[in-house]
Amino acid sequence: QVQLVESGGGLVQSGGSLRLSCAASGPTSDYGAIGWFRQAPGKEREGVSCINSSDGSTYYADSVKGRFTISRDNAKKTVYLQMNSLKPEDTAVYYCAADPDLYCSGQSASGDFGSWGQGTQVTVSS
């Protein structure tokens, strides 16, 4: 099972930026899909973005479209989530997830991903 380690979370003011990193134990090109999810206190985990290894296609939740960008660096075995124009409602624990057999889309759910990182806290102050 792949090991995923997130980093880059922190406290930022509204309108600021953060870049999350998800370091994988193996080549990111080996994974069908790698995605980012988030969970705020008292809320369900929701999909934020994902990227497919086969063709590099990406998906974004409507709430982050135009503000967040997912990318990957195969040489560094890392997937990034660049988050710009952050809002207080973006505050959550952000998780990286991967699955070798998945082609992610807007219909992909957390249960479709087999491997998860430990999460990194993102707090956006108003």
Foldseek 3Di string as FASTA:
>chain_A
DKAWAKDWADEEAQQAKIKMKIAIPAFPLQFQKKFKWWDDPPGDIGTAKMAGNVPRDMEGDPVQPPFWDWDDDRVRNMIMIIGGRDDQVVWTWMKMFTHRPDNDYPPDDPVVTDYIYPTDTHGYHD
